Amino acid sequence: MNFEDIAVERSGAVLRVTLNRPALRNAMSLRMVGELRAALADAEAGGVRVLVLRGAGGHFCAGADLKDMAAARMRAMQAGAPDGDAPDAIAQANRQFGELCVAYANTPLALVAVLEGSVMGGGFGLACVADVALADESALFRLPETALGVLPAQVAPFLVERLGYSQAKRLAVTGGRIAAREALTIGLVHAVHATDQLDAALDAVLADILACAPGAIAATKALIARARLTPPADLVQQAAQVFSRAAQGHEGLEGAMAFLQKRKPNWAMP
């Protein structure tokens, strides 16, 4: 597909998706939201095992493009009823971003975010939904919404999920501004590297992910998502069934055979 606000590069089972508005620190436009959804759907359609999210020009994402949002509202007003009762374009745009976050949070693919420079607002939210979040020392995380008189509406659930209630509330009410090392301390990111070591760190993470079975990763992500809200005792039977299916499936059989034969497993895509 041809994209304008993102760039995609496929390398084997890895799809690298780059937010590509560097002049605006990759501020998120409505077009970018749509393109990110399309790129994910295409990746999930087959062959891709890992999706890497990154920003162009040394920044991840500076949050929503406010000018783009204002233009969308103006278009909606011009298309509205004569009495000015236009559709709520701001709510619609905000909902579309929320749906984007949910789609990336729920993908069965492994999702890695590489975080540099500005990681603000919606970019902060995307960092929270990544399975693995790597940052370099330039990364600066901000939740500027309350300082602008609005709120991190779609980001809030993922903040609580990633950081817990206490840290999420602290960052929201202070217009949270934290550097990479603090982000590591509170669990927002999983590792911080020097800028010149970030690509090597990413390669190592990708190698670890690709050594695992894709179906097992997808099933494990789904089980962990359920475990967040379910008492362990209530998951025993379901976990046993999921485990049995995996053990008797092609990945489980290949994994056991590779172990016995002292070789690397061949994780062919189903």
Protein backbone atom coordinates (compact mmCIF):
# COMPACT_ATOMS: atom_id res chain seq x y z
CA MET A 1 0.00 0.00 0.00
CA ASN A 2 1.04 3.61 -0.57
CA PHE A 3 1.14 5.67 2.61
CA GLU A 4 1.73 9.38 3.16
CA ASP A 5 2.13 9.81 6.92
CA ILE A 6 3.82 6.52 7.71
CA ALA A 7 6.49 4.41 6.01
CA VAL A 8 6.56 0.61 6.08
CA GLU A 9 9.41 -1.78 5.42
CA ARG A 10 9.08 -5.56 5.43
CA SER A 11 12.09 -7.72 6.25
CA GLY A 12 11.18 -11.39 6.47
CA ALA A 13 8.67 -11.81 9.29
CA VAL A 14 9.31 -8.30 10.67
CA LEU A 15 7.33 -5.25 9.57
CA ARG A 16 8.84 -1.90 10.52
CA VAL A 17 6.28 0.90 10.67
CA THR A 18 7.70 4.42 10.92
CA LEU A 19 5.64 7.47 11.86
CA ASN A 20 6.80 9.74 9.07
CA ARG A 21 6.07 13.42 9.69
CA PRO A 22 9.50 14.43 11.01
CA ALA A 23 9.00 18.17 10.45
CA LEU A 24 6.17 17.99 13.03
CA ARG A 25 7.91 15.49 15.32
CA ASN A 26 5.51 12.91 13.88
CA ALA A 27 2.40 14.56 15.30
CA MET A 28 -0.51 12.24 14.72
CA SER A 29 -2.90 13.27 11.96
CA LEU A 30 -6.22 11.64 11.18
CA ARG A 31 -4.59 10.24 8.05
CA MET A 32 -1.81 8.72 10.16
CA VAL A 33 -4.38 7.03 12.41
CA GLY A 34 -6.05 5.49 9.37
CA GLU A 35 -2.75 4.42 7.85
CA LEU A 36 -1.59 2.80 11.10
CA ARG A 37 -4.83 0.80 11.22
CA ALA A 38 -4.37 -0.26 7.59
CA ALA A 39 -0.74 -1.28 8.16
CA LEU A 40 -1.73 -3.40 11.14
CA ALA A 41 -4.57 -5.10 9.26
CA ASP A 42 -2.22 -5.87 6.39
CA ALA A 43 0.40 -7.28 8.78
CA GLU A 44 -2.16 -9.48 10.52
CA ALA A 45 -3.36 -10.85 7.19
CA GLY A 46 -0.37 -13.16 7.01
CA GLY A 47 3.38 -13.67 7.10
CA VAL A 48 4.31 -10.97 9.63
CA ARG A 49 5.29 -12.07 13.13
CA VAL A 50 6.68 -8.87 14.65
CA LEU A 51 5.64 -5.27 14.17
CA VAL A 52 8.12 -2.53 15.10
CA LEU A 53 6.82 1.01 15.71
CA ARG A 54 9.27 3.89 15.45
CA GLY A 55 9.34 7.58 14.57
CA ALA A 56 11.34 9.35 11.86
CA GLY A 57 13.83 12.12 12.54
CA GLY A 58 14.76 11.24 16.12
CA HIS A 59 11.27 11.61 17.63
CA PHE A 60 8.58 9.03 18.25
CA CYS A 61 5.39 11.11 18.31
CA ALA A 62 4.52 14.57 19.63
CA GLY A 63 0.86 13.66 20.18
CA ALA A 64 -2.16 14.77 18.22
CA ASP A 65 -1.84 17.28 15.41
CA LEU A 66 -4.08 20.02 16.83
CA LYS A 67 -4.21 21.91 13.52
CA ASP A 68 -5.37 18.75 11.79
CA MET A 69 -8.07 18.26 14.41
CA ALA A 70 -9.24 21.87 14.07
CA ALA A 71 -9.45 21.48 10.30
CA ALA A 72 -11.54 18.33 10.68
CA ARG A 73 -13.92 20.18 12.98
CA MET A 74 -14.23 23.03 10.50
CA ARG A 75 -15.01 20.58 7.67
CA ALA A 76 -17.65 18.93 9.81
CA MET A 77 -19.26 22.28 10.63
CA GLN A 78 -19.34 23.24 6.96
CA ALA A 79 -21.00 19.91 6.14
CA GLY A 80 -23.47 20.14 9.03
CA ALA A 81 -27.08 21.19 9.12
CA PRO A 82 -27.96 24.80 8.29
CA ASP A 83 -28.52 25.56 11.97
CA GLY A 84 -24.90 24.66 12.68
CA ASP A 85 -25.72 21.33 14.29
CA ALA A 86 -22.59 19.68 12.87
CA PRO A 87 -21.33 16.23 13.78
CA ASP A 88 -18.95 16.17 16.76
CA ALA A 89 -15.76 15.84 14.73
CA ILE A 90 -13.53 16.05 17.79
CA ALA A 91 -15.27 13.13 19.49
CA GLN A 92 -15.12 11.17 16.26
CA ALA A 93 -11.38 11.80 15.85
CA ASN A 94 -10.74 10.93 19.48
CA ARG A 95 -12.71 7.71 19.13
CA GLN A 96 -10.74 6.75 16.03
CA PHE A 97 -7.50 7.13 17.96
CA GLY A 98 -8.92 5.04 20.80
CA GLU A 99 -9.86 2.32 18.33
CA LEU A 100 -6.29 2.45 16.99
CA CYS A 101 -4.86 1.90 20.48
CA VAL A 102 -7.24 -0.99 21.12
CA ALA A 103 -6.32 -2.61 17.79
CA TYR A 104 -2.59 -2.42 18.53
CA ALA A 105 -3.09 -3.54 22.14
CA ASN A 106 -5.07 -6.60 21.01
CA THR A 107 -2.97 -7.66 18.04
CA PRO A 108 -1.76 -11.28 18.16
CA LEU A 109 1.53 -10.11 16.64
CA ALA A 110 4.47 -9.22 18.84
CA LEU A 111 4.62 -5.42 19.07
CA VAL A 112 7.86 -3.55 19.78
CA ALA A 113 8.05 0.23 20.20
CA VAL A 114 11.35 2.09 19.75
CA LEU A 115 11.08 5.39 21.59
CA GLU A 116 13.26 8.43 20.94
CA GLY A 117 12.88 12.16 21.49
CA SER A 118 9.31 13.34 22.03
CA VAL A 119 6.86 10.71 23.26
CA MET A 120 3.76 12.74 24.01
CA GLY A 121 0.00 12.30 24.30
CA GLY A 122 -1.08 9.71 21.77
CA GLY A 123 2.53 8.64 21.31
CA PHE A 124 2.65 7.98 25.05
CA GLY A 125 -0.45 5.81 24.62
CA LEU A 126 1.11 3.75 21.83
CA ALA A 127 4.19 3.23 24.01
CA CYS A 128 1.93 1.84 26.72
CA VAL A 129 0.35 -0.81 24.47
CA ALA A 130 3.66 -2.21 23.15
CA ASP A 131 4.70 -5.68 24.30
CA VAL A 132 8.31 -4.48 24.44
CA ALA A 133 9.22 -0.80 24.76
CA LEU A 134 12.83 0.23 24.13
CA ALA A 135 13.99 3.80 24.67
CA ASP A 136 17.18 5.71 24.14
CA GLU A 137 18.45 8.36 26.51
CA SER A 138 16.91 11.17 24.45
CA ALA A 139 13.35 10.00 25.06
CA LEU A 140 11.17 12.46 26.94
CA PHE A 141 7.67 11.37 27.90
CA ARG A 142 4.86 13.87 28.43
CA LEU A 143 1.14 13.90 29.05
CA PRO A 144 0.37 17.51 28.18
CA GLU A 145 -3.40 17.18 27.92
CA THR A 146 -4.42 18.61 31.29
CA ALA A 147 -2.03 21.54 30.76
CA LEU A 148 -3.98 22.25 27.55
CA GLY A 149 -7.37 22.12 29.25
CA VAL A 150 -8.31 18.68 27.94
CA LEU A 151 -7.68 15.13 29.15
CA PRO A 152 -5.82 12.00 28.06
CA ALA A 153 -9.13 10.34 27.34
CA GLN A 154 -8.19 7.37 25.16
CA VAL A 155 -4.73 7.03 26.72
CA ALA A 156 -6.00 6.79 30.31
CA PRO A 157 -7.01 3.09 30.33
CA PHE A 158 -3.64 2.06 28.93
CA LEU A 159 -1.81 4.25 31.45
CA VAL A 160 -3.58 2.45 34.29
CA GLU A 161 -2.91 -0.92 32.71
CA ARG A 162 0.79 -0.21 32.17
CA LEU A 163 1.68 1.83 35.24
CA GLY A 164 -1.00 1.13 37.82
CA TYR A 165 -3.56 3.50 39.28
CA SER A 166 -1.20 5.56 41.44
CA GLN A 167 1.42 6.39 38.79
CA ALA A 168 -1.20 6.97 36.10
CA LYS A 169 -3.02 9.45 38.30
CA ARG A 170 0.21 11.24 39.25
CA LEU A 171 1.25 11.71 35.64
CA ALA A 172 -2.20 12.82 34.53
CA VAL A 173 -2.67 15.51 37.17
CA THR A 174 0.86 16.90 36.85
CA GLY A 175 0.98 16.98 33.04
CA GLY A 176 3.59 14.25 33.48
CA ARG A 177 7.05 14.98 32.17
CA ILE A 178 9.55 12.18 32.71
CA ALA A 179 12.89 11.26 31.20
CA ALA A 180 13.86 7.84 29.94
CA ARG A 181 15.46 6.63 33.17
CA GLU A 182 12.38 7.44 35.24
CA ALA A 183 10.24 5.79 32.57
CA LEU A 184 12.32 2.65 33.12
CA THR A 185 11.97 2.89 36.91
CA ILE A 186 8.15 3.04 36.80
CA GLY A 187 7.82 0.30 34.18
CA LEU A 188 6.73 2.41 31.23
CA VAL A 189 9.67 1.13 29.17
CA HIS A 190 11.56 -2.12 29.53
CA ALA A 191 15.08 -0.96 28.67
CA VAL A 192 17.01 2.26 28.05
CA HIS A 193 20.05 2.29 25.78
CA ALA A 194 22.56 4.80 24.51
CA THR A 195 21.51 6.12 21.12
CA ASP A 196 24.33 4.37 19.30
CA GLN A 197 23.34 1.04 20.89
CA LEU A 198 19.60 1.21 20.28
CA ASP A 199 19.56 -0.58 16.92
CA ALA A 200 21.66 -3.44 18.27
CA ALA A 201 19.31 -3.75 21.25
CA LEU A 202 16.34 -3.88 18.89
CA ASP A 203 18.00 -6.59 16.82
CA ALA A 204 18.55 -8.65 19.96
CA VAL A 205 14.91 -8.34 20.99
CA LEU A 206 13.75 -9.30 17.50
CA ALA A 207 15.98 -12.37 17.56
CA ASP A 208 14.50 -13.42 20.90
CA ILE A 209 10.93 -12.99 19.62
CA LEU A 210 11.58 -14.83 16.37
CA ALA A 211 13.01 -17.75 18.35
CA CYS A 212 9.53 -18.22 19.87
CA ALA A 213 6.55 -19.82 18.16
CA PRO A 214 4.16 -17.23 16.67
CA GLY A 215 1.01 -19.12 17.57
CA ALA A 216 2.24 -19.62 21.12
CA ILE A 217 3.00 -15.90 21.40
CA ALA A 218 -0.50 -14.98 20.22
CA ALA A 219 -2.17 -17.45 22.59
CA THR A 220 0.02 -16.32 25.50
CA LYS A 221 -0.81 -12.65 24.88
CA ALA A 222 -4.52 -13.48 24.89
CA LEU A 223 -4.21 -15.51 28.12
CA ILE A 224 -2.22 -12.77 29.87
CA ALA A 225 -4.84 -10.21 28.81
CA ARG A 226 -7.56 -12.32 30.43
CA ALA A 227 -5.42 -12.89 33.53
CA ARG A 228 -5.35 -9.15 34.25
CA LEU A 229 -9.03 -9.22 35.19
CA THR A 230 -9.61 -12.84 36.22
CA PRO A 231 -8.70 -14.58 39.50
CA PRO A 232 -6.13 -17.34 38.92
CA ALA A 233 -8.45 -20.05 40.20
CA ASP A 234 -11.00 -19.12 37.52
CA LEU A 235 -8.41 -19.58 34.76
CA VAL A 236 -7.14 -23.04 35.70
CA GLN A 237 -9.45 -25.03 33.43
CA GLN A 238 -9.20 -22.63 30.50
CA ALA A 239 -5.40 -22.46 30.79
CA ALA A 240 -5.22 -26.25 30.80
CA GLN A 241 -7.27 -26.46 27.61
CA VAL A 242 -5.19 -23.80 25.88
CA PHE A 243 -2.00 -25.57 26.92
CA SER A 244 -3.29 -28.93 25.68
CA ARG A 245 -4.21 -27.52 22.28
CA ALA A 246 -0.78 -25.93 21.95
CA ALA A 247 1.09 -29.06 23.06
CA GLN A 248 -0.78 -31.21 20.53
CA GLY A 249 -0.60 -28.66 17.72
CA HIS A 250 2.06 -28.31 15.05
CA GLU A 251 4.10 -25.81 17.09
CA GLY A 252 4.10 -27.94 20.22
CA LEU A 253 5.11 -31.03 18.28
CA GLU A 254 7.84 -29.15 16.41
CA GLY A 255 9.15 -27.63 19.63
CA ALA A 256 9.34 -31.01 21.36
CA MET A 257 11.00 -32.63 18.35
CA ALA A 258 13.55 -29.83 18.03
CA PHE A 259 14.40 -30.15 21.71
CA LEU A 260 14.92 -33.90 21.45
CA GLN A 261 16.97 -33.54 18.26
CA LYS A 262 19.01 -30.66 19.73
CA ARG A 263 18.23 -28.27 16.88
CA LYS A 264 16.45 -24.97 16.42
CA PRO A 265 12.71 -25.31 15.78
CA ASN A 266 11.29 -24.34 12.43
CA TRP A 267 8.38 -22.03 13.17
CA ALA A 268 6.61 -22.12 9.82
CA MET A 269 3.66 -19.76 9.68
CA PRO A 270 0.36 -21.72 9.73
